Amino acid sequence: MYDNLINTGLYKNLIFEILINIIAPYPFLDNLKYREYVAEFDFNVQYEINDILLFISFARVYLGITFIVYLT
């Protein structure tokens, strides 16, 4: 009855989930590039920022897994 988000410690998980779900491709980041030079191959590598964010956003798969665990 007297439990809340702070005294149960659930705020730590909530902050973690909020930070994971914030990572997503955004329209205002279109055409922004990340460039890196690879000295071993004498080659420039170029990535779009939205592609990198999309790759990282696949970490959200854990939400479906935790939902299935809660159901079982």
C-alpha atoms as a PDB file:
ATOM      1  CA  MET A   1       0.000   0.000   0.000  1.00  0.00           C
ATOM      2  CA  TYR A   2       2.864   2.379   0.767  1.00  0.00           C
ATOM      3  CA  ASP A   3       5.161   1.260  -2.033  1.00  0.00           C
ATOM      4  CA  ASN A   4       6.044   3.739  -4.729  1.00  0.00           C
ATOM      5  CA  LEU A   5       8.524   3.987  -7.562  1.00  0.00           C
ATOM      6  CA  ILE A   6      11.320   5.379  -5.396  1.00  0.00           C
ATOM      7  CA  ASN A   7      11.306   3.107  -2.347  1.00  0.00           C
ATOM      8  CA  THR A   8      10.921  -0.082  -4.406  1.00  0.00           C
ATOM      9  CA  GLY A   9      13.939   0.801  -6.592  1.00  0.00           C
ATOM     10  CA  LEU A  10      11.962   0.404  -9.823  1.00  0.00           C
ATOM     11  CA  TYR A  11      13.000   3.874 -10.961  1.00  0.00           C
ATOM     12  CA  LYS A  12      16.383   2.462 -12.021  1.00  0.00           C
ATOM     13  CA  ASN A  13      14.748   0.080 -14.489  1.00  0.00           C
ATOM     14  CA  LEU A  14      12.430   2.836 -15.686  1.00  0.00           C
ATOM     15  CA  ILE A  15      15.318   5.202 -16.421  1.00  0.00           C
ATOM     16  CA  PHE A  16      17.148   2.425 -18.292  1.00  0.00           C
ATOM     17  CA  GLU A  17      14.085   1.658 -20.428  1.00  0.00           C
ATOM     18  CA  ILE A  18      13.504   5.341 -21.178  1.00  0.00           C
ATOM     19  CA  LEU A  19      17.103   5.756 -22.347  1.00  0.00           C
ATOM     20  CA  ILE A  20      16.889   2.653 -24.552  1.00  0.00           C
ATOM     21  CA  ASN A  21      13.625   3.812 -26.138  1.00  0.00           C
ATOM     22  CA  ILE A  22      14.874   7.342 -26.825  1.00  0.00           C
ATOM     23  CA  ILE A  23      17.404   5.966 -29.323  1.00  0.00           C
ATOM     24  CA  ALA A  24      15.703   6.086 -32.707  1.00  0.00           C
ATOM     25  CA  PRO A  25      16.261   7.583 -36.156  1.00  0.00           C
ATOM     26  CA  TYR A  26      15.014  11.154 -36.321  1.00  0.00           C
ATOM     27  CA  PRO A  27      13.976  13.150 -39.415  1.00  0.00           C
ATOM     28  CA  PHE A  28      16.106  16.158 -38.478  1.00  0.00           C
ATOM     29  CA  LEU A  29      19.231  13.949 -38.670  1.00  0.00           C
ATOM     30  CA  ASP A  30      18.725  13.147 -42.364  1.00  0.00           C
ATOM     31  CA  ASN A  31      21.842  13.513 -44.496  1.00  0.00           C
ATOM     32  CA  LEU A  32      24.154  13.800 -41.498  1.00  0.00           C
ATOM     33  CA  LYS A  33      27.143  11.580 -42.018  1.00  0.00           C
ATOM     34  CA  TYR A  34      29.766  10.012 -39.797  1.00  0.00           C
ATOM     35  CA  ARG A  35      33.063   9.704 -41.632  1.00  0.00           C
ATOM     36  CA  GLU A  36      36.034   7.683 -40.534  1.00  0.00           C
ATOM     37  CA  TYR A  37      39.366   6.975 -42.162  1.00  0.00           C
ATOM     38  CA  VAL A  38      40.685   3.402 -42.028  1.00  0.00           C
ATOM     39  CA  ALA A  39      44.459   3.603 -42.298  1.00  0.00           C
ATOM     40  CA  GLU A  40      44.988  -0.142 -42.786  1.00  0.00           C
ATOM     41  CA  PHE A  41      43.046  -0.118 -46.065  1.00  0.00           C
ATOM     42  CA  ASP A  42      43.612   3.545 -46.983  1.00  0.00           C
ATOM     43  CA  PHE A  43      39.858   3.962 -47.247  1.00  0.00           C
ATOM     44  CA  ASN A  44      37.219   6.406 -46.020  1.00  0.00           C
ATOM     45  CA  VAL A  45      34.100   4.894 -44.459  1.00  0.00           C
ATOM     46  CA  GLN A  46      30.887   6.911 -44.375  1.00  0.00           C
ATOM     47  CA  TYR A  47      27.770   6.088 -42.374  1.00  0.00           C
ATOM     48  CA  GLU A  48      24.526   7.976 -41.972  1.00  0.00           C
ATOM     49  CA  ILE A  49      23.708   8.852 -38.378  1.00  0.00           C
ATOM     50  CA  ASN A  50      20.137   7.542 -38.759  1.00  0.00           C
ATOM     51  CA  ASP A  51      21.451   4.157 -39.887  1.00  0.00           C
ATOM     52  CA  ILE A  52      23.618   3.898 -36.785  1.00  0.00           C
ATOM     53  CA  LEU A  53      20.683   4.864 -34.556  1.00  0.00           C
ATOM     54  CA  LEU A  54      18.474   2.319 -36.295  1.00  0.00           C
ATOM     55  CA  PHE A  55      21.036  -0.402 -35.637  1.00  0.00           C
ATOM     56  CA  ILE A  56      21.231   0.529 -31.954  1.00  0.00           C
ATOM     57  CA  SER A  57      17.432   0.700 -31.647  1.00  0.00           C
ATOM     58  CA  PHE A  58      17.235  -3.060 -32.232  1.00  0.00           C
ATOM     59  CA  ALA A  59      18.099  -3.295 -28.528  1.00  0.00           C
ATOM     60  CA  ARG A  60      14.370  -2.779 -27.959  1.00  0.00           C
ATOM     61  CA  VAL A  61      13.803  -6.444 -28.744  1.00  0.00           C
ATOM     62  CA  TYR A  62      14.193  -7.037 -25.017  1.00  0.00           C
ATOM     63  CA  LEU A  63      10.734  -5.464 -24.513  1.00  0.00           C
ATOM     64  CA  GLY A  64       9.064  -8.336 -26.358  1.00  0.00           C
ATOM     65  CA  ILE A  65      11.171 -10.875 -24.499  1.00  0.00           C
ATOM     66  CA  THR A  66      10.298  -9.434 -21.103  1.00  0.00           C
ATOM     67  CA  PHE A  67       6.620  -9.356 -22.092  1.00  0.00           C
ATOM     68  CA  ILE A  68       6.730 -13.065 -22.938  1.00  0.00           C
ATOM     69  CA  VAL A  69       8.529 -13.802 -19.664  1.00  0.00           C
ATOM     70  CA  TYR A  70       5.847 -11.935 -17.720  1.00  0.00           C
ATOM     71  CA  LEU A  71       3.131 -13.962 -19.460  1.00  0.00           C
ATOM     72  CA  THR A  72       4.688 -17.305 -18.539  1.00  0.00           C
END
